[in-house]
Amino acid sequence: MTLQTFPAGMGGESSTSGENREKTHSPGTPGTSGTPVEVAPVLTTVVPAGARRRGLPRWARRPVGPLFLLAAWQIAVWTGSASTELLASPWTVVTTFADLMGSGELPRAILVSLRRAGSGLLLGGFIGITLALLAGLFRLGEDLIDAAVQMIRTVPFVGLIPLFIIWFGIGERPKTALVAFGVAFPLYLNTYAGIRNVDATLVEAARTVGLGRAGLIRHVILPGALPNVLVGLRFSLGIAWLALIFAEQINANRGLGHLMNRAQEFQRTDIIVVCLVVYALLGLAVDAVVRLLERLLLSWRPAFSGA
């Protein structure tokens, strides 16, 4: 039996199979004789979700809430739902504000109140942060300090006004002490929590590379606790203004509290509202300062900024 072989490309089944393989592995389009066609890639621009435009910018959206409340207040006055004897109209409040600013009475009161709040904040902040560092960094400090602080912080600071008057008299010292007492505890709690919540893995890694106690505190523990410290500062600033309102009821003859007390005697609700608005604006201003500090001091830490 003789075997016949056919060269590639010559008739028979081998040629047909070769043609089929050529057609199968050489795709093409009609009219191009089976020549492959290269398709250019399509580029699509990807825009991050946070970079998409959403109508009004944030600086224009933020005043919408206060303006809505102001409009509702004015409408209630126009319709008679709110009595002007019990609550002055927005326009009356605006004119009263202009009169107080023009006479210089309101700027002087604001400076006095700012000095009281600043003195209390510095004193209370120093005490709160110092106690938090001692209790957070050292176990002995925790054993000696934390239990006493946790017990004292449950005492309402407003209830201490009579005791502060007995201790410090009726001058500026009881006012500063009351603000300091209210400010110290939020800073203590947040600073202590920030120190104790530092990742233990980072601490061990720092010790591995040879950092001593001072370097560990400076480069690892304090930067890790800084976000909590700033949160405590924001809480303390809010409590400082609240404590200041009560503090300025202690025989005050200057300051925003004095203006409010005098307005209460004469039932001047417009002056009371002006003082409350000033308190709110001052609180908003100092909160904006803390937000700026967060951006500057925590620029190393990427954080979620809202969807």
Protein backbone atom coordinates (compact mmCIF):
# COMPACT_ATOMS: atom_id res chain seq x y z
CA MET A 1 0.00 0.00 0.00
CA THR A 2 1.45 3.26 -1.16
CA LEU A 3 0.98 6.50 0.76
CA GLN A 4 0.66 9.69 -1.29
CA THR A 5 1.49 13.06 0.18
CA PHE A 6 0.35 16.39 -1.19
CA PRO A 7 2.36 19.58 -0.81
CA ALA A 8 0.76 22.35 1.15
CA GLY A 9 -1.40 24.57 -1.00
CA MET A 10 -2.11 21.88 -3.61
CA GLY A 11 -5.62 20.45 -4.08
CA GLY A 12 -7.23 17.93 -1.87
CA GLU A 13 -8.45 18.21 1.62
CA SER A 14 -5.29 19.80 2.91
CA SER A 15 -5.74 22.83 0.65
CA THR A 16 -9.35 23.20 1.66
CA SER A 17 -8.45 23.00 5.32
CA GLY A 18 -5.76 25.62 4.86
CA GLU A 19 -8.24 27.95 3.22
CA ASN A 20 -10.71 27.41 6.02
CA ARG A 21 -7.99 28.12 8.56
CA GLU A 22 -7.06 31.29 6.67
CA LYS A 23 -10.64 32.45 6.67
CA THR A 24 -11.06 31.54 10.30
CA HIS A 25 -7.91 33.20 11.65
CA SER A 26 -7.84 36.24 9.36
CA PRO A 27 -10.97 38.17 10.13
CA GLY A 28 -11.85 41.05 7.88
CA THR A 29 -14.69 43.06 6.50
CA PRO A 30 -16.33 42.77 3.10
CA GLY A 31 -14.36 44.47 0.36
CA THR A 32 -11.01 44.26 2.15
CA SER A 33 -10.03 40.76 0.98
CA GLY A 34 -9.79 39.45 4.52
CA THR A 35 -7.35 42.15 5.70
CA PRO A 36 -7.68 42.83 9.47
CA VAL A 37 -8.97 46.27 10.42
CA GLU A 38 -7.56 48.03 13.47
CA VAL A 39 -10.21 49.86 15.52
CA ALA A 40 -9.00 53.01 17.28
CA PRO A 41 -9.67 53.04 21.05
CA VAL A 42 -12.35 55.42 22.30
CA LEU A 43 -11.17 57.67 25.16
CA THR A 44 -13.71 58.62 27.81
CA THR A 45 -13.12 61.40 30.31
CA VAL A 46 -13.80 60.26 33.87
CA VAL A 47 -14.95 63.03 36.23
CA PRO A 48 -14.80 62.32 39.98
CA ALA A 49 -18.13 62.50 41.73
CA GLY A 50 -16.96 65.33 43.97
CA ALA A 51 -15.90 67.44 40.97
CA ARG A 52 -19.25 67.44 39.22
CA ARG A 53 -21.14 70.69 39.24
CA ARG A 54 -24.29 70.63 41.30
CA GLY A 55 -25.92 73.94 40.62
CA LEU A 56 -25.13 76.64 43.19
CA PRO A 57 -21.69 76.60 44.84
CA ARG A 58 -21.46 75.76 48.54
CA TRP A 59 -20.80 79.34 49.65
CA ALA A 60 -24.11 80.34 48.04
CA ARG A 61 -26.04 77.39 49.51
CA ARG A 62 -24.95 77.79 53.12
CA PRO A 63 -26.94 81.02 53.85
CA VAL A 64 -30.16 79.46 52.51
CA GLY A 65 -31.21 78.03 55.91
CA PRO A 66 -30.77 81.28 57.92
CA LEU A 67 -32.44 83.32 55.17
CA PHE A 68 -35.40 80.92 55.18
CA LEU A 69 -35.81 81.35 58.96
CA LEU A 70 -35.55 85.12 58.60
CA ALA A 71 -38.22 85.13 55.89
CA ALA A 72 -40.54 82.94 57.99
CA TRP A 73 -40.03 85.28 60.95
CA GLN A 74 -40.89 88.37 58.87
CA ILE A 75 -43.97 86.68 57.34
CA ALA A 76 -45.19 85.71 60.83
CA VAL A 77 -44.94 89.37 61.87
CA TRP A 78 -46.75 90.60 58.76
CA THR A 79 -49.60 88.12 59.16
CA GLY A 80 -49.99 88.86 62.87
CA SER A 81 -49.03 85.32 63.96
CA ALA A 82 -46.18 86.77 66.06
CA SER A 83 -46.84 89.76 68.29
CA THR A 84 -44.27 92.53 68.01
CA GLU A 85 -44.67 93.14 71.75
CA LEU A 86 -43.34 89.66 72.47
CA LEU A 87 -40.83 89.49 69.60
CA ALA A 88 -39.61 92.44 67.57
CA SER A 89 -39.73 92.28 63.78
CA PRO A 90 -36.55 91.64 61.80
CA TRP A 91 -36.52 95.20 60.48
CA THR A 92 -36.76 96.60 64.02
CA VAL A 93 -33.86 94.38 65.07
CA VAL A 94 -31.80 95.65 62.12
CA THR A 95 -32.45 99.30 62.97
CA THR A 96 -31.69 98.69 66.66
CA PHE A 97 -28.43 97.00 65.69
CA ALA A 98 -27.47 100.02 63.59
CA ASP A 99 -28.30 102.40 66.46
CA LEU A 100 -26.26 100.40 68.99
CA MET A 101 -23.32 100.23 66.62
CA GLY A 102 -23.54 103.93 65.86
CA SER A 103 -23.54 104.89 69.54
CA GLY A 104 -20.57 102.60 70.22
CA GLU A 105 -22.43 100.75 72.98
CA LEU A 106 -22.54 97.40 71.19
CA PRO A 107 -18.84 97.37 70.12
CA ARG A 108 -17.75 98.10 73.71
CA ALA A 109 -19.98 95.32 75.03
CA ILE A 110 -18.62 92.87 72.46
CA LEU A 111 -15.00 93.64 73.41
CA VAL A 112 -15.75 93.10 77.10
CA SER A 113 -17.48 89.78 76.45
CA LEU A 114 -14.70 88.63 74.12
CA ARG A 115 -12.11 89.38 76.80
CA ARG A 116 -14.04 87.37 79.37
CA ALA A 117 -14.60 84.44 77.01
CA GLY A 118 -10.96 84.48 75.86
CA SER A 119 -9.58 84.54 79.40
CA GLY A 120 -11.83 81.68 80.46
CA LEU A 121 -10.98 79.69 77.34
CA LEU A 122 -7.23 80.05 77.85
CA LEU A 123 -7.42 79.12 81.53
CA GLY A 124 -9.83 76.22 81.06
CA GLY A 125 -8.03 74.99 77.96
CA PHE A 126 -4.69 74.95 79.74
CA ILE A 127 -6.13 73.02 82.69
CA GLY A 128 -8.07 70.54 80.54
CA ILE A 129 -5.25 69.75 78.13
CA THR A 130 -2.64 69.49 80.90
CA LEU A 131 -4.76 67.03 82.89
CA ALA A 132 -5.52 65.05 79.72
CA LEU A 133 -1.82 64.75 78.86
CA LEU A 134 -0.96 63.55 82.35
CA ALA A 135 -3.82 61.05 82.45
CA GLY A 136 -3.46 59.90 78.86
CA LEU A 137 0.32 59.48 78.67
CA PHE A 138 0.95 57.95 82.09
CA ARG A 139 -0.89 55.19 83.90
CA LEU A 140 -0.15 56.77 87.27
CA GLY A 141 -1.67 60.01 86.03
CA GLU A 142 -4.78 58.16 84.90
CA ASP A 143 -5.16 56.52 88.29
CA LEU A 144 -4.80 59.82 90.15
CA ILE A 145 -6.68 62.19 87.82
CA ASP A 146 -9.28 60.51 85.65
CA ALA A 147 -11.70 59.33 88.35
CA ALA A 148 -11.78 62.77 90.01
CA VAL A 149 -12.32 64.56 86.69
CA GLN A 150 -15.11 62.19 85.65
CA MET A 151 -16.83 62.87 88.97
CA ILE A 152 -16.51 66.67 88.88
CA ARG A 153 -17.57 67.05 85.24
CA THR A 154 -21.07 65.75 86.06
CA VAL A 155 -21.68 68.78 88.28
CA PRO A 156 -23.73 71.44 86.38
CA PHE A 157 -21.44 74.45 86.10
CA VAL A 158 -24.40 76.82 86.38
CA GLY A 159 -25.07 75.50 89.86
CA LEU A 160 -21.60 76.65 90.92
CA ILE A 161 -22.42 80.35 90.47
CA PRO A 162 -23.32 80.96 94.15
CA LEU A 163 -20.19 79.15 95.26
CA PHE A 164 -18.00 81.11 92.85
CA ILE A 165 -19.49 84.37 94.12
CA ILE A 166 -18.57 83.37 97.69
CA TRP A 167 -15.06 82.36 96.63
CA PHE A 168 -14.19 85.10 94.14
CA GLY A 169 -16.60 87.95 94.88
CA ILE A 170 -18.70 89.70 92.23
CA GLY A 171 -15.97 91.07 89.98
CA GLU A 172 -14.43 89.56 86.85
CA ARG A 173 -12.88 86.51 88.51
CA PRO A 174 -16.08 84.47 89.01
CA LYS A 175 -17.06 85.11 85.39
CA THR A 176 -13.69 83.90 84.11
CA ALA A 177 -13.76 80.91 86.48
CA LEU A 178 -17.22 79.86 85.32
CA VAL A 179 -16.18 79.94 81.65
CA ALA A 180 -12.97 78.07 82.44
CA PHE A 181 -14.89 75.39 84.36
CA GLY A 182 -17.25 74.80 81.43
CA VAL A 183 -14.44 74.76 78.85
CA ALA A 184 -12.00 72.42 80.59
CA PHE A 185 -13.96 69.18 80.46
CA PRO A 186 -14.70 68.87 76.72
CA LEU A 187 -11.01 69.47 76.00
CA TYR A 188 -9.99 66.96 78.66
CA LEU A 189 -12.32 64.22 77.42
CA ASN A 190 -11.44 64.58 73.73
CA THR A 191 -7.70 64.95 74.29
CA TYR A 192 -7.62 61.94 76.63
CA ALA A 193 -9.63 59.86 74.14
CA GLY A 194 -7.39 60.97 71.27
CA ILE A 195 -4.25 59.88 73.11
CA ARG A 196 -5.63 56.52 74.14
CA ASN A 197 -7.05 55.80 70.66
CA VAL A 198 -3.71 56.12 68.86
CA ASP A 199 -3.07 52.92 66.91
CA ALA A 200 -0.92 50.57 68.99
CA THR A 201 0.71 49.29 65.79
CA LEU A 202 2.16 52.75 65.11
CA VAL A 203 3.49 52.93 68.66
CA GLU A 204 5.22 49.56 68.34
CA ALA A 205 6.64 50.53 64.93
CA ALA A 206 8.02 53.76 66.41
CA ARG A 207 9.68 51.85 69.22
CA THR A 208 11.12 49.40 66.71
CA VAL A 209 12.92 52.16 64.81
CA GLY A 210 14.40 53.45 68.05
CA LEU A 211 12.19 56.37 69.08
CA GLY A 212 12.39 57.18 72.77
CA ARG A 213 9.53 58.34 74.98
CA ALA A 214 9.91 62.00 73.99
CA GLY A 215 10.14 61.21 70.26
CA LEU A 216 7.19 58.83 70.53
CA ILE A 217 5.03 61.51 72.14
CA ARG A 218 6.11 64.21 69.69
CA HIS A 219 5.99 62.30 66.40
CA VAL A 220 3.31 59.66 66.96
CA ILE A 221 0.97 60.24 69.91
CA LEU A 222 0.38 64.00 69.69
CA PRO A 223 -0.20 64.06 65.89
CA GLY A 224 -2.53 61.09 66.26
CA ALA A 225 -4.49 62.81 69.03
CA LEU A 226 -4.66 66.19 67.26
CA PRO A 227 -7.99 65.54 65.42
CA ASN A 228 -9.71 64.79 68.74
CA VAL A 229 -8.15 67.86 70.35
CA LEU A 230 -9.60 70.10 67.65
CA VAL A 231 -13.02 68.48 68.06
CA GLY A 232 -12.80 69.18 71.78
CA LEU A 233 -11.84 72.77 71.02
CA ARG A 234 -14.97 73.23 68.91
CA PHE A 235 -17.14 71.86 71.73
CA SER A 236 -15.36 74.06 74.25
CA LEU A 237 -15.93 77.21 72.19
CA GLY A 238 -19.66 76.53 72.08
CA ILE A 239 -19.78 75.93 75.84
CA ALA A 240 -17.69 79.07 76.43
CA TRP A 241 -20.42 81.28 74.93
CA LEU A 242 -23.10 79.42 76.91
CA ALA A 243 -21.15 79.81 80.15
CA LEU A 244 -20.52 83.48 79.34
CA ILE A 245 -24.26 84.18 79.15
CA PHE A 246 -24.71 82.83 82.67
CA ALA A 247 -21.50 84.43 83.91
CA GLU A 248 -22.58 87.88 82.79
CA GLN A 249 -25.66 87.60 84.98
CA ILE A 250 -23.37 87.97 88.01
CA ASN A 251 -23.69 91.68 88.75
CA ALA A 252 -22.33 92.67 85.34
CA ASN A 253 -22.29 96.37 84.45
CA ARG A 254 -20.61 95.82 81.07
CA GLY A 255 -20.79 93.33 78.26
CA LEU A 256 -23.51 91.69 76.22
CA GLY A 257 -25.08 90.15 79.33
CA HIS A 258 -25.46 93.60 80.84
CA LEU A 259 -27.22 94.82 77.69
CA MET A 260 -29.60 91.86 77.82
CA ASN A 261 -30.39 92.39 81.52
CA ARG A 262 -31.14 96.05 80.98
CA ALA A 263 -33.27 95.26 77.93
CA GLN A 264 -35.25 92.72 79.94
CA GLU A 265 -36.15 95.39 82.52
CA PHE A 266 -37.58 97.64 79.80
CA GLN A 267 -39.01 94.75 77.70
CA ARG A 268 -36.84 95.67 74.72
CA THR A 269 -37.02 92.40 72.81
CA ASP A 270 -35.19 93.99 69.87
CA ILE A 271 -32.05 94.55 71.99
CA ILE A 272 -32.28 91.02 73.40
CA VAL A 273 -32.48 89.58 69.89
CA VAL A 274 -29.53 91.74 68.78
CA CYS A 275 -27.40 90.37 71.63
CA LEU A 276 -28.43 86.78 70.84
CA VAL A 277 -27.58 87.28 67.17
CA VAL A 278 -24.19 88.71 68.14
CA TYR A 279 -23.53 85.67 70.35
CA ALA A 280 -24.43 83.40 67.43
CA LEU A 281 -22.22 85.30 64.96
CA LEU A 282 -19.27 85.27 67.34
CA GLY A 283 -19.69 81.54 67.83
CA LEU A 284 -19.85 81.02 64.06
CA ALA A 285 -16.71 83.10 63.58
CA VAL A 286 -14.61 81.19 66.11
CA ASP A 287 -15.90 77.89 64.70
CA ALA A 288 -14.71 78.99 61.27
CA VAL A 289 -11.28 79.68 62.76
CA VAL A 290 -11.13 76.14 64.17
CA ARG A 291 -12.17 74.72 60.79
CA LEU A 292 -9.30 76.63 59.21
CA LEU A 293 -6.91 75.20 61.79
CA GLU A 294 -8.17 71.72 60.94
CA ARG A 295 -7.40 72.25 57.26
CA LEU A 296 -3.91 73.56 58.02
CA LEU A 297 -2.89 71.14 60.76
CA LEU A 298 -4.59 68.02 59.38
CA SER A 299 -3.66 68.44 55.73
CA TRP A 300 -1.68 65.19 55.99
CA ARG A 301 -4.83 63.21 56.76
CA PRO A 302 -7.24 62.65 53.84
CA ALA A 303 -10.83 62.64 55.06
CA PHE A 304 -14.30 62.23 53.63
CA SER A 305 -15.75 65.65 52.73
CA GLY A 306 -19.35 64.67 51.92
CA ALA A 307 -21.05 63.02 48.98
